[in-house]
């Protein structure tokens, strides 16, 4: 059976909430200190490796892209939602943002020094993860860094009907960190660090952040 493709409804959902998302989350205020520490560590590793530009895959309004750029990285973003990309371009005109899917990233083989997928995999079925992680591996140079964050669980599916004051039809997956670690290993990554923390603030589930490196 072919896994469901949630891209059309995901695109529509984020187009719907884009303006209010940008207004309520202009920067990284919603992230915990642990999350920001992982992002900053990723940025420092990419800067030290000097292997090439960094792609924010699933960049949304570009709020994390801007954070990485402020730390000296050559960063661009890609997102499925034209509404989100339009806001990113308007609010961060010094950075480049493109509309695109995680399965077909706007980069040639082995040209990137880093890739961030910050809560970008949450609308992807577990069965589709290998294809997307394989695409991450395709665009990254050997030795390049990957950072991904997601709501952790057992892979179960959750339907979201309201977000940021708007009715939406979004499907989320609470990915099993151990499953994703296996997927990363099979795609040619070594997991360097795994942050797994409990829910904080308005969060309802544990959260995981994985830092991995493309094998040479």
N, C-alpha and C. Protein backbone atom coordinates (compact mmCIF):
# COMPACT_ATOMS: atom_id res chain seq x y z
N UNK A 1 0.84 -1.20 0.00
CA UNK A 1 0.00 0.00 0.00
C UNK A 1 0.88 1.25 0.00
N UNK A 2 0.55 2.20 -0.86
CA UNK A 2 1.31 3.45 -0.93
C UNK A 2 1.00 4.32 0.27
N UNK A 3 2.02 4.84 0.97
CA UNK A 3 1.76 5.72 2.12
C UNK A 3 1.01 6.98 1.67
N UNK A 4 0.14 7.52 2.52
CA UNK A 4 -0.58 8.74 2.14
C UNK A 4 0.35 9.92 1.95
N UNK A 5 0.00 10.75 0.98
CA UNK A 5 0.76 11.97 0.69
C UNK A 5 -0.02 13.15 1.23
N UNK A 6 0.48 13.76 2.30
CA UNK A 6 -0.23 14.86 2.95
C UNK A 6 0.20 16.23 2.44
N UNK A 7 0.99 16.28 1.38
CA UNK A 7 1.51 17.57 0.93
C UNK A 7 0.44 18.57 0.52
N UNK A 8 -0.59 18.18 -0.24
CA UNK A 8 -1.60 19.19 -0.63
C UNK A 8 -2.28 19.84 0.57
N UNK A 9 -2.72 19.04 1.54
CA UNK A 9 -3.40 19.62 2.70
C UNK A 9 -2.42 20.38 3.59
N UNK A 10 -1.16 19.93 3.63
CA UNK A 10 -0.16 20.65 4.42
C UNK A 10 0.11 22.02 3.81
N UNK A 11 0.25 22.06 2.50
CA UNK A 11 0.46 23.34 1.81
C UNK A 11 -0.70 24.30 2.08
N UNK A 12 -1.91 23.80 1.93
CA UNK A 12 -3.08 24.64 2.14
C UNK A 12 -3.18 25.09 3.60
N UNK A 13 -2.91 24.19 4.52
CA UNK A 13 -2.99 24.54 5.93
C UNK A 13 -2.03 25.64 6.33
N UNK A 14 -0.79 25.54 5.87
CA UNK A 14 0.20 26.56 6.24
C UNK A 14 -0.01 27.86 5.48
N UNK A 15 -0.54 27.79 4.28
CA UNK A 15 -0.94 29.03 3.60
C UNK A 15 -2.01 29.76 4.42
N UNK A 16 -2.92 29.00 5.01
CA UNK A 16 -4.02 29.58 5.79
C UNK A 16 -3.51 30.27 7.05
N UNK A 17 -2.56 29.67 7.73
CA UNK A 17 -2.12 30.21 9.03
C UNK A 17 -0.90 31.12 8.93
N UNK A 18 -0.36 31.32 7.73
CA UNK A 18 0.94 31.98 7.58
C UNK A 18 1.02 33.33 8.29
N UNK A 19 0.07 34.20 8.06
CA UNK A 19 0.13 35.55 8.63
C UNK A 19 0.11 35.51 10.15
N UNK A 20 -0.77 34.71 10.72
CA UNK A 20 -0.85 34.64 12.18
C UNK A 20 0.33 33.90 12.79
N UNK A 21 0.84 32.90 12.09
CA UNK A 21 2.06 32.21 12.54
C UNK A 21 3.21 33.20 12.65
N UNK A 22 3.38 34.02 11.60
CA UNK A 22 4.47 35.00 11.59
C UNK A 22 4.30 36.04 12.70
N UNK A 23 3.07 36.43 12.97
CA UNK A 23 2.81 37.44 14.00
C UNK A 23 3.06 36.88 15.40
N UNK A 24 2.67 35.65 15.63
CA UNK A 24 2.78 35.06 16.96
C UNK A 24 4.16 34.45 17.23
N UNK A 25 4.86 34.06 16.17
CA UNK A 25 6.19 33.45 16.32
C UNK A 25 7.19 34.17 15.42
N UNK A 26 7.54 35.41 15.76
CA UNK A 26 8.45 36.16 14.89
C UNK A 26 9.89 35.67 14.96
N UNK A 27 10.27 35.07 16.07
CA UNK A 27 11.65 34.61 16.25
C UNK A 27 11.68 33.27 16.94
N UNK A 28 12.65 33.07 17.83
CA UNK A 28 12.81 31.79 18.51
C UNK A 28 12.34 31.83 19.96
N UNK A 29 11.45 32.75 20.29
CA UNK A 29 10.98 32.87 21.66
C UNK A 29 10.25 31.61 22.14
N UNK A 30 9.64 30.87 21.21
CA UNK A 30 8.90 29.67 21.60
C UNK A 30 9.81 28.48 21.86
N UNK A 31 11.05 28.54 21.40
CA UNK A 31 11.99 27.44 21.60
C UNK A 31 12.56 27.48 23.01
N UNK A 32 12.84 26.30 23.55
CA UNK A 32 13.46 26.23 24.87
C UNK A 32 14.95 26.54 24.76
N UNK A 33 15.57 26.78 25.91
CA UNK A 33 17.01 27.02 25.93
C UNK A 33 17.78 25.81 25.40
N UNK A 34 17.28 24.61 25.69
CA UNK A 34 17.93 23.41 25.17
C UNK A 34 17.85 23.35 23.65
N UNK A 35 16.68 23.68 23.11
CA UNK A 35 16.52 23.68 21.66
C UNK A 35 17.48 24.66 21.00
N UNK A 36 17.53 25.87 21.53
CA UNK A 36 18.40 26.89 20.95
C UNK A 36 19.86 26.48 21.07
N UNK A 37 20.21 25.82 22.17
CA UNK A 37 21.59 25.34 22.31
C UNK A 37 21.93 24.34 21.22
N UNK A 38 20.98 23.48 20.86
CA UNK A 38 21.22 22.52 19.79
C UNK A 38 21.38 23.23 18.44
N UNK A 39 20.53 24.22 18.20
CA UNK A 39 20.64 24.99 16.95
C UNK A 39 21.98 25.70 16.87
N UNK A 40 22.38 26.32 17.98
CA UNK A 40 23.65 27.05 17.99
C UNK A 40 24.85 26.11 17.85
N UNK A 41 24.75 24.93 18.44
CA UNK A 41 25.83 23.96 18.29
C UNK A 41 25.93 23.50 16.83
N UNK A 42 24.79 23.26 16.21
CA UNK A 42 24.76 22.91 14.78
C UNK A 42 25.39 24.02 13.95
N UNK A 43 25.03 25.27 14.23
CA UNK A 43 25.59 26.40 13.49
C UNK A 43 27.10 26.47 13.65
N UNK A 44 27.58 26.26 14.87
CA UNK A 44 29.02 26.32 15.12
C UNK A 44 29.75 25.20 14.38
N UNK A 45 29.17 24.02 14.34
CA UNK A 45 29.79 22.90 13.63
C UNK A 45 29.84 23.15 12.13
N UNK A 46 28.76 23.69 11.58
CA UNK A 46 28.74 24.00 10.15
C UNK A 46 29.78 25.07 9.82
N UNK A 47 29.87 26.08 10.68
CA UNK A 47 30.84 27.15 10.44
C UNK A 47 32.26 26.62 10.51
N UNK A 48 32.53 25.73 11.46
CA UNK A 48 33.88 25.19 11.61
C UNK A 48 34.25 24.26 10.46
N UNK A 49 33.28 23.50 9.96
CA UNK A 49 33.57 22.54 8.89
C UNK A 49 33.82 23.22 7.56
N UNK A 50 33.15 24.36 7.32
CA UNK A 50 33.33 25.13 6.09
C UNK A 50 33.18 24.26 4.84
N UNK A 51 32.09 23.51 4.80
CA UNK A 51 31.85 22.61 3.68
C UNK A 51 30.87 23.18 2.66
N UNK A 52 30.30 24.35 2.95
CA UNK A 52 29.38 24.93 1.99
C UNK A 52 28.17 25.55 2.66
N UNK A 53 27.21 26.02 1.87
CA UNK A 53 26.03 26.68 2.41
C UNK A 53 25.13 25.72 3.18
N UNK A 54 24.22 26.31 3.93
CA UNK A 54 23.28 25.55 4.76
C UNK A 54 21.87 25.78 4.23
N UNK A 55 21.08 24.71 4.19
CA UNK A 55 19.69 24.80 3.75
C UNK A 55 18.76 24.57 4.93
N UNK A 56 17.82 25.49 5.12
CA UNK A 56 16.74 25.33 6.10
C UNK A 56 15.57 24.70 5.35
N UNK A 57 15.42 23.39 5.49
CA UNK A 57 14.43 22.63 4.73
C UNK A 57 13.13 22.55 5.53
N UNK A 58 12.09 23.21 5.00
CA UNK A 58 10.87 23.39 5.76
C UNK A 58 10.98 24.64 6.61
N UNK A 59 11.42 25.72 5.96
CA UNK A 59 11.84 26.94 6.68
C UNK A 59 10.68 27.76 7.22
N UNK A 60 9.45 27.52 6.75
CA UNK A 60 8.35 28.36 7.20
C UNK A 60 8.59 29.82 6.88
N UNK A 61 8.45 30.67 7.88
CA UNK A 61 8.64 32.11 7.69
C UNK A 61 10.10 32.54 7.76
N UNK A 62 11.00 31.59 7.90
CA UNK A 62 12.42 31.91 7.91
C UNK A 62 12.98 32.34 9.25
N UNK A 63 12.26 32.09 10.32
CA UNK A 63 12.71 32.57 11.63
C UNK A 63 14.00 31.88 12.08
N UNK A 64 14.14 30.57 11.81
CA UNK A 64 15.38 29.89 12.18
C UNK A 64 16.47 30.19 11.15
N UNK A 65 16.08 30.37 9.91
CA UNK A 65 17.06 30.77 8.88
C UNK A 65 17.77 32.04 9.29
N UNK A 66 17.00 33.02 9.77
CA UNK A 66 17.57 34.30 10.18
C UNK A 66 18.51 34.12 11.37
N UNK A 67 18.15 33.24 12.28
CA UNK A 67 19.00 32.95 13.44
C UNK A 67 20.34 32.37 12.99
N UNK A 68 20.30 31.46 12.03
CA UNK A 68 21.54 30.87 11.52
C UNK A 68 22.37 31.89 10.76
N UNK A 69 21.71 32.73 9.97
CA UNK A 69 22.43 33.75 9.22
C UNK A 69 23.13 34.73 10.16
N UNK A 70 22.48 35.03 11.29
CA UNK A 70 23.08 35.94 12.26
C UNK A 70 24.33 35.34 12.90
N UNK A 71 24.48 34.04 12.77
CA UNK A 71 25.68 33.38 13.29
C UNK A 71 26.71 33.13 12.20
N UNK A 72 26.56 33.83 11.10
CA UNK A 72 27.58 33.84 10.07
C UNK A 72 27.46 32.79 8.99
N UNK A 73 26.36 32.03 8.97
CA UNK A 73 26.22 30.99 7.96
C UNK A 73 25.61 31.54 6.68
N UNK A 74 26.01 30.96 5.56
CA UNK A 74 25.39 31.23 4.26
C UNK A 74 24.18 30.31 4.15
N UNK A 75 23.01 30.85 4.45
CA UNK A 75 21.81 30.01 4.60
C UNK A 75 20.72 30.45 3.64
N UNK A 76 19.98 29.49 3.14
CA UNK A 76 18.78 29.73 2.35
C UNK A 76 17.70 28.79 2.86
N UNK A 77 16.46 29.03 2.43
CA UNK A 77 15.36 28.22 2.91
C UNK A 77 14.46 27.73 1.80
N UNK A 78 13.78 26.64 2.06
CA UNK A 78 12.78 26.10 1.14
C UNK A 78 11.59 25.63 1.95
N UNK A 79 10.39 25.86 1.43
CA UNK A 79 9.19 25.44 2.13
C UNK A 79 8.10 25.09 1.13
N UNK A 80 7.24 24.17 1.52
CA UNK A 80 6.15 23.72 0.66
C UNK A 80 5.08 24.78 0.47
N UNK A 81 4.93 25.68 1.46
CA UNK A 81 3.85 26.66 1.48
C UNK A 81 4.25 27.97 0.82
N UNK A 82 3.63 28.34 -0.31
CA UNK A 82 3.92 29.65 -0.92
C UNK A 82 3.62 30.81 0.02
N UNK A 83 2.59 30.66 0.87
CA UNK A 83 2.28 31.72 1.81
C UNK A 83 3.38 31.94 2.82
N UNK A 84 3.95 30.87 3.33
CA UNK A 84 5.06 30.98 4.26
C UNK A 84 6.29 31.57 3.57
N UNK A 85 6.58 31.13 2.36
CA UNK A 85 7.74 31.63 1.64
C UNK A 85 7.58 33.11 1.32
N UNK A 86 6.37 33.53 0.97
CA UNK A 86 6.14 34.95 0.70
C UNK A 86 6.44 35.79 1.94
N UNK A 87 6.01 35.33 3.10
CA UNK A 87 6.30 36.05 4.34
C UNK A 87 7.79 36.04 4.65
N UNK A 88 8.44 34.92 4.42
CA UNK A 88 9.89 34.85 4.65
C UNK A 88 10.62 35.86 3.78
N UNK A 89 10.22 35.96 2.52
CA UNK A 89 10.88 36.90 1.61
C UNK A 89 10.62 38.34 2.02
N UNK A 90 9.42 38.62 2.51
CA UNK A 90 9.08 39.99 2.91
C UNK A 90 9.78 40.41 4.19
N UNK A 91 9.89 39.48 5.13
CA UNK A 91 10.44 39.83 6.44
C UNK A 91 11.95 39.62 6.54
N UNK A 92 12.50 38.80 5.65
CA UNK A 92 13.95 38.56 5.62
C UNK A 92 14.47 38.71 4.20
N UNK A 93 14.40 39.93 3.64
CA UNK A 93 14.75 40.12 2.23
C UNK A 93 16.22 39.88 1.92
N UNK A 94 17.06 39.82 2.94
CA UNK A 94 18.48 39.57 2.72
C UNK A 94 18.80 38.09 2.51
N UNK A 95 17.80 37.22 2.68
CA UNK A 95 18.00 35.79 2.51
C UNK A 95 17.19 35.26 1.33
N UNK A 96 17.59 34.12 0.81
CA UNK A 96 16.88 33.51 -0.31
C UNK A 96 15.94 32.43 0.19
N UNK A 97 14.70 32.45 -0.32
CA UNK A 97 13.72 31.43 0.02
C UNK A 97 13.02 30.96 -1.25
N UNK A 98 12.83 29.65 -1.35
CA UNK A 98 12.18 29.05 -2.51
C UNK A 98 11.02 28.18 -2.07
N UNK A 99 10.05 28.01 -2.96
CA UNK A 99 8.96 27.07 -2.74
C UNK A 99 9.40 25.71 -3.26
N UNK A 100 9.25 24.69 -2.44
CA UNK A 100 9.66 23.35 -2.87
C UNK A 100 9.33 22.32 -1.81
N UNK A 101 9.51 21.06 -2.18
CA UNK A 101 9.19 19.93 -1.30
C UNK A 101 10.46 19.28 -0.77
N UNK A 102 10.34 18.65 0.38
CA UNK A 102 11.49 17.97 0.98
C UNK A 102 11.99 16.83 0.11
N UNK A 103 11.09 16.26 -0.70
CA UNK A 103 11.48 15.14 -1.56
C UNK A 103 12.27 15.57 -2.79
N UNK A 104 12.31 16.86 -3.06
CA UNK A 104 12.98 17.36 -4.27
C UNK A 104 13.61 18.71 -3.95
N UNK A 105 14.70 18.69 -3.22
CA UNK A 105 15.32 19.92 -2.72
C UNK A 105 16.05 20.67 -3.83
N UNK A 106 16.07 22.01 -3.75
CA UNK A 106 16.70 22.83 -4.79
C UNK A 106 18.22 22.92 -4.61
N UNK A 107 18.88 21.79 -4.71
CA UNK A 107 20.34 21.74 -4.57
C UNK A 107 20.86 20.56 -5.37
N UNK A 108 22.03 20.73 -5.95
CA UNK A 108 22.66 19.63 -6.67
C UNK A 108 23.36 18.70 -5.70
N UNK A 109 23.77 17.56 -6.20
CA UNK A 109 24.36 16.53 -5.34
C UNK A 109 25.60 17.04 -4.60
N UNK A 110 25.66 16.70 -3.31
CA UNK A 110 26.86 16.93 -2.49
C UNK A 110 27.39 18.36 -2.58
N UNK A 111 26.49 19.33 -2.37
CA UNK A 111 26.90 20.73 -2.43
C UNK A 111 26.68 21.49 -1.13
N UNK A 112 25.97 20.91 -0.17
CA UNK A 112 25.62 21.64 1.05
C UNK A 112 26.51 21.23 2.22
N UNK A 113 26.81 22.22 3.06
CA UNK A 113 27.59 21.97 4.26
C UNK A 113 26.75 21.72 5.49
N UNK A 114 25.44 21.90 5.37
CA UNK A 114 24.55 21.66 6.50
C UNK A 114 23.11 21.70 6.06
N UNK A 115 22.26 21.01 6.80
CA UNK A 115 20.82 21.01 6.52
C UNK A 115 20.06 20.97 7.83
N UNK A 116 19.13 21.89 7.98
CA UNK A 116 18.26 21.96 9.15
C UNK A 116 16.86 21.54 8.74
N UNK A 117 16.28 20.61 9.48
CA UNK A 117 14.88 20.20 9.27
C UNK A 117 14.17 20.34 10.61
N UNK A 118 13.86 21.59 10.96
CA UNK A 118 13.32 21.92 12.28
C UNK A 118 11.81 21.75 12.27
N UNK A 119 11.35 20.64 12.81
CA UNK A 119 9.93 20.27 12.80
C UNK A 119 9.37 20.22 11.38
N UNK A 120 10.20 19.82 10.44
CA UNK A 120 9.79 19.72 9.04
C UNK A 120 9.26 18.34 8.67
N UNK A 121 9.52 17.34 9.51
CA UNK A 121 9.13 15.97 9.20
C UNK A 121 7.84 15.55 9.88
N UNK A 122 7.19 16.46 10.57
CA UNK A 122 6.05 16.08 11.41
C UNK A 122 4.79 15.76 10.61
N UNK A 123 4.74 16.14 9.34
CA UNK A 123 3.59 15.80 8.50
C UNK A 123 3.91 14.67 7.52
N UNK A 124 5.01 13.98 7.76
CA UNK A 124 5.46 12.89 6.89
C UNK A 124 5.18 11.55 7.55
N UNK A 125 4.58 10.63 6.82
CA UNK A 125 4.34 9.30 7.37
C UNK A 125 5.68 8.60 7.64
N UNK A 126 5.73 7.73 8.64
CA UNK A 126 6.98 7.00 8.90
C UNK A 126 7.50 6.27 7.67
N UNK A 127 6.60 5.77 6.82
CA UNK A 127 7.04 5.04 5.63
C UNK A 127 7.72 5.93 4.60
N UNK A 128 7.44 7.22 4.63
CA UNK A 128 8.05 8.16 3.66
C UNK A 128 9.36 8.75 4.17
N UNK A 129 9.70 8.52 5.42
CA UNK A 129 10.93 9.11 5.97
C UNK A 129 12.18 8.68 5.21
N UNK A 130 12.34 7.40 4.82
CA UNK A 130 13.57 7.04 4.11
C UNK A 130 13.79 7.82 2.83
N UNK A 131 12.74 8.11 2.08
CA UNK A 131 12.90 8.87 0.83
C UNK A 131 13.38 10.28 1.11
N UNK A 132 12.82 10.91 2.14
CA UNK A 132 13.20 12.29 2.45
C UNK A 132 14.60 12.34 3.05
N UNK A 133 14.91 11.45 3.96
CA UNK A 133 16.25 11.42 4.53
C UNK A 133 17.28 11.09 3.45
N UNK A 134 16.90 10.25 2.50
CA UNK A 134 17.77 9.97 1.37
C UNK A 134 18.04 11.21 0.53
N UNK A 135 17.03 12.06 0.40
CA UNK A 135 17.22 13.32 -0.31
C UNK A 135 18.15 14.25 0.47
N UNK A 136 18.03 14.25 1.79
CA UNK A 136 18.97 15.02 2.61
C UNK A 136 20.40 14.54 2.36
N UNK A 137 20.57 13.22 2.32
CA UNK A 137 21.90 12.66 2.10
C UNK A 137 22.44 13.04 0.72
N UNK A 138 21.55 13.09 -0.26
CA UNK A 138 21.98 13.41 -1.63
C UNK A 138 22.61 14.79 -1.72
N UNK A 139 22.02 15.78 -1.05
CA UNK A 139 22.47 17.17 -1.22
C UNK A 139 23.62 17.54 -0.29
N UNK A 140 23.87 16.74 0.74
CA UNK A 140 24.92 17.07 1.71
C UNK A 140 26.27 16.49 1.29
N UNK A 141 27.30 17.27 1.54
CA UNK A 141 28.66 16.78 1.31
C UNK A 141 29.06 15.80 2.42
N UNK A 142 29.97 14.89 2.13
CA UNK A 142 30.49 14.03 3.20
C UNK A 142 31.07 14.89 4.33
N UNK A 143 30.70 14.56 5.55
CA UNK A 143 31.15 15.32 6.70
C UNK A 143 30.23 16.45 7.09
N UNK A 144 29.20 16.72 6.28
CA UNK A 144 28.27 17.82 6.57
C UNK A 144 27.30 17.41 7.68
N UNK A 145 26.71 18.44 8.30
CA UNK A 145 25.85 18.22 9.48
C UNK A 145 24.37 18.36 9.14
N UNK A 146 23.57 17.56 9.84
CA UNK A 146 22.11 17.58 9.74
C UNK A 146 21.54 17.72 11.14
N UNK A 147 20.57 18.63 11.30
CA UNK A 147 19.87 18.77 12.58
C UNK A 147 18.38 18.70 12.31
N UNK A 148 17.69 17.83 13.02
CA UNK A 148 16.24 17.71 12.86
C UNK A 148 15.57 17.62 14.22
N UNK A 149 14.41 18.26 14.33
CA UNK A 149 13.62 18.24 15.56
C UNK A 149 12.20 17.80 15.23
N UNK A 150 11.56 17.13 16.18
CA UNK A 150 10.22 16.61 15.92
C UNK A 150 9.54 16.25 17.24
N UNK A 151 8.22 16.12 17.18
CA UNK A 151 7.45 15.65 18.33
C UNK A 151 7.61 14.14 18.41
N UNK A 152 8.03 13.66 19.56
CA UNK A 152 8.40 12.25 19.68
C UNK A 152 7.24 11.40 20.18
N UNK A 153 7.24 10.16 19.74
CA UNK A 153 6.21 9.22 20.17
C UNK A 153 6.47 7.85 19.59
N UNK A 154 5.39 7.17 19.22
CA UNK A 154 5.50 5.81 18.69
C UNK A 154 5.12 5.73 17.22
N UNK A 155 5.11 6.88 16.54
CA UNK A 155 4.74 6.92 15.13
C UNK A 155 3.27 7.14 14.87
N UNK A 156 2.50 7.35 15.94
CA UNK A 156 1.06 7.47 15.75
C UNK A 156 0.68 8.74 15.00
N UNK A 157 -0.48 8.68 14.39
CA UNK A 157 -1.02 9.76 13.57
C UNK A 157 -1.99 10.60 14.39
N UNK A 158 -1.90 11.92 14.25
CA UNK A 158 -2.76 12.85 14.99
C UNK A 158 -3.35 13.84 13.99
N UNK A 159 -4.66 14.01 14.02
CA UNK A 159 -5.32 14.95 13.12
C UNK A 159 -5.49 16.30 13.82
N UNK A 160 -5.07 17.36 13.14
CA UNK A 160 -5.16 18.72 13.66
C UNK A 160 -6.25 19.45 12.88
N UNK A 161 -7.24 19.98 13.59
CA UNK A 161 -8.37 20.64 12.92
C UNK A 161 -8.40 22.15 13.16
N UNK A 162 -7.53 22.64 14.03
CA UNK A 162 -7.49 24.08 14.31
C UNK A 162 -6.07 24.48 14.67
N UNK A 163 -5.62 25.61 14.10
CA UNK A 163 -4.27 26.10 14.41
C UNK A 163 -4.22 27.60 14.22
N UNK A 164 -3.69 28.30 15.20
CA UNK A 164 -3.51 29.75 15.14
C UNK A 164 -4.82 30.47 14.80
N UNK A 165 -5.91 29.96 15.36
CA UNK A 165 -7.20 30.59 15.17
C UNK A 165 -7.90 30.28 13.87
N UNK A 166 -7.41 29.31 13.11
CA UNK A 166 -7.99 28.97 11.81
C UNK A 166 -8.36 27.49 11.76
N UNK A 167 -9.45 27.16 11.07
CA UNK A 167 -9.73 25.75 10.81
C UNK A 167 -8.76 25.21 9.76
N UNK A 168 -8.17 24.07 10.03
CA UNK A 168 -7.21 23.46 9.11
C UNK A 168 -7.44 21.95 9.08
N UNK A 169 -6.83 21.31 8.11
CA UNK A 169 -6.81 19.85 8.04
C UNK A 169 -5.35 19.42 7.90
N UNK A 170 -4.70 19.22 9.04
CA UNK A 170 -3.30 18.84 9.06
C UNK A 170 -3.14 17.49 9.76
N UNK A 171 -2.30 16.66 9.21
CA UNK A 171 -2.00 15.36 9.80
C UNK A 171 -0.57 15.38 10.33
N UNK A 172 -0.43 15.13 11.62
CA UNK A 172 0.88 15.09 12.27
C UNK A 172 1.24 13.65 12.63
N UNK A 173 2.54 13.40 12.70
CA UNK A 173 3.03 12.10 13.15
C UNK A 173 4.02 12.31 14.28
N UNK A 174 3.83 11.56 15.36
CA UNK A 174 4.74 11.59 16.50
C UNK A 174 5.80 10.51 16.26
N UNK A 175 6.89 10.88 15.62
CA UNK A 175 7.86 9.89 15.18
C UNK A 175 8.62 9.25 16.34
N UNK A 176 8.91 7.98 16.18
CA UNK A 176 9.73 7.24 17.13
C UNK A 176 11.19 7.61 16.88
N UNK A 177 11.87 8.21 17.85
CA UNK A 177 13.27 8.61 17.63
C UNK A 177 14.16 7.46 17.19
N UNK A 178 13.94 6.27 17.77
CA UNK A 178 14.79 5.13 17.41
C UNK A 178 14.58 4.72 15.96
N UNK A 179 13.35 4.83 15.48
CA UNK A 179 13.09 4.53 14.06
C UNK A 179 13.82 5.52 13.17
N UNK A 180 13.77 6.80 13.53
CA UNK A 180 14.44 7.80 12.71
C UNK A 180 15.96 7.64 12.76
N UNK A 181 16.49 7.23 13.89
CA UNK A 181 17.93 6.97 14.00
C UNK A 181 18.34 5.85 13.03
N UNK A 182 17.52 4.81 12.93
CA UNK A 182 17.79 3.72 11.99
C UNK A 182 17.72 4.22 10.55
N UNK A 183 16.70 5.02 10.25
CA UNK A 183 16.55 5.58 8.90
C UNK A 183 17.77 6.42 8.54
N UNK A 184 18.23 7.23 9.47
CA UNK A 184 19.42 8.05 9.23
C UNK A 184 20.64 7.17 8.96
N UNK A 185 20.83 6.15 9.76
CA UNK A 185 21.99 5.27 9.59
C UNK A 185 21.96 4.59 8.23
N UNK A 186 20.78 4.14 7.81
CA UNK A 186 20.66 3.45 6.53
C UNK A 186 20.90 4.39 5.35
N UNK A 187 20.69 5.70 5.57
CA UNK A 187 20.90 6.69 4.51
C UNK A 187 22.33 7.22 4.48
N UNK A 188 23.16 6.77 5.42
CA UNK A 188 24.56 7.20 5.41
C UNK A 188 24.91 8.26 6.42
N UNK A 189 24.14 8.35 7.52
CA UNK A 189 24.42 9.32 8.57
C UNK A 189 24.85 8.61 9.85
N UNK A 190 25.71 9.26 10.61
CA UNK A 190 26.03 8.84 11.96
C UNK A 190 25.42 9.84 12.93
N UNK A 191 24.60 9.35 13.86
CA UNK A 191 23.97 10.24 14.84
C UNK A 191 25.00 10.61 15.89
N UNK A 192 25.22 11.90 16.05
CA UNK A 192 26.24 12.41 16.97
C UNK A 192 25.65 12.75 18.33
N UNK A 193 24.40 13.22 18.34
CA UNK A 193 23.76 13.59 19.61
C UNK A 193 22.25 13.45 19.47
N UNK A 194 21.61 13.10 20.58
CA UNK A 194 20.15 12.96 20.63
C UNK A 194 19.65 13.63 21.91
N UNK A 195 18.94 14.73 21.73
CA UNK A 195 18.28 15.40 22.84
C UNK A 195 16.84 14.93 22.88
N UNK A 196 16.44 14.34 23.99
CA UNK A 196 15.05 13.92 24.18
C UNK A 196 14.57 14.55 25.48
N UNK A 197 13.58 15.40 25.39
CA UNK A 197 13.12 16.13 26.58
C UNK A 197 11.61 16.02 26.72
N UNK A 198 11.14 16.31 27.92
CA UNK A 198 9.72 16.32 28.17
C UNK A 198 9.05 17.55 27.60
N UNK A 199 7.72 17.50 27.58
CA UNK A 199 6.95 18.63 27.08
C UNK A 199 7.10 19.83 28.02
N UNK A 200 7.18 21.00 27.42
CA UNK A 200 7.27 22.25 28.19
C UNK A 200 6.27 23.25 27.64
N UNK A 201 5.78 24.14 28.53
CA UNK A 201 4.86 25.18 28.10
C UNK A 201 3.59 24.60 27.52
N UNK A 202 3.26 24.98 26.29
CA UNK A 202 2.02 24.52 25.65
C UNK A 202 2.19 23.17 24.95
N UNK A 203 3.39 22.62 24.97
CA UNK A 203 3.62 21.33 24.32
C UNK A 203 2.86 20.21 25.03
N UNK A 204 2.43 19.22 24.26
CA UNK A 204 1.68 18.10 24.82
C UNK A 204 2.42 16.78 24.75
N UNK A 205 3.55 16.77 24.05
CA UNK A 205 4.29 15.53 23.85
C UNK A 205 5.77 15.76 24.10
N UNK A 206 6.53 14.70 24.37
CA UNK A 206 7.98 14.84 24.41
C UNK A 206 8.51 15.30 23.06
N UNK A 207 9.70 15.89 23.09
CA UNK A 207 10.32 16.42 21.87
C UNK A 207 11.70 15.80 21.72
N UNK A 208 12.10 15.56 20.48
CA UNK A 208 13.44 15.03 20.20
C UNK A 208 14.16 15.89 19.19
N UNK A 209 15.46 16.01 19.37
CA UNK A 209 16.34 16.69 18.41
C UNK A 209 17.50 15.74 18.12
N UNK A 210 17.76 15.50 16.84
CA UNK A 210 18.86 14.63 16.43
C UNK A 210 19.88 15.42 15.64
N UNK A 211 21.13 15.30 16.03
CA UNK A 211 22.26 15.88 15.30
C UNK A 211 23.02 14.74 14.66
N UNK A 212 23.13 14.77 13.33
CA UNK A 212 23.78 13.69 12.61
C UNK A 212 24.78 14.25 11.60
N UNK A 213 25.71 13.39 11.21
CA UNK A 213 26.73 13.80 10.25
C UNK A 213 26.76 12.83 9.07
N UNK A 214 26.84 13.41 7.88
CA UNK A 214 26.93 12.60 6.66
C UNK A 214 28.28 11.88 6.63
N UNK A 215 28.22 10.57 6.45
CA UNK A 215 29.45 9.80 6.43
C UNK A 215 30.33 10.15 5.24
N UNK A 216 31.63 10.11 5.45
CA UNK A 216 32.58 10.36 4.36
C UNK A 216 32.62 9.17 3.42
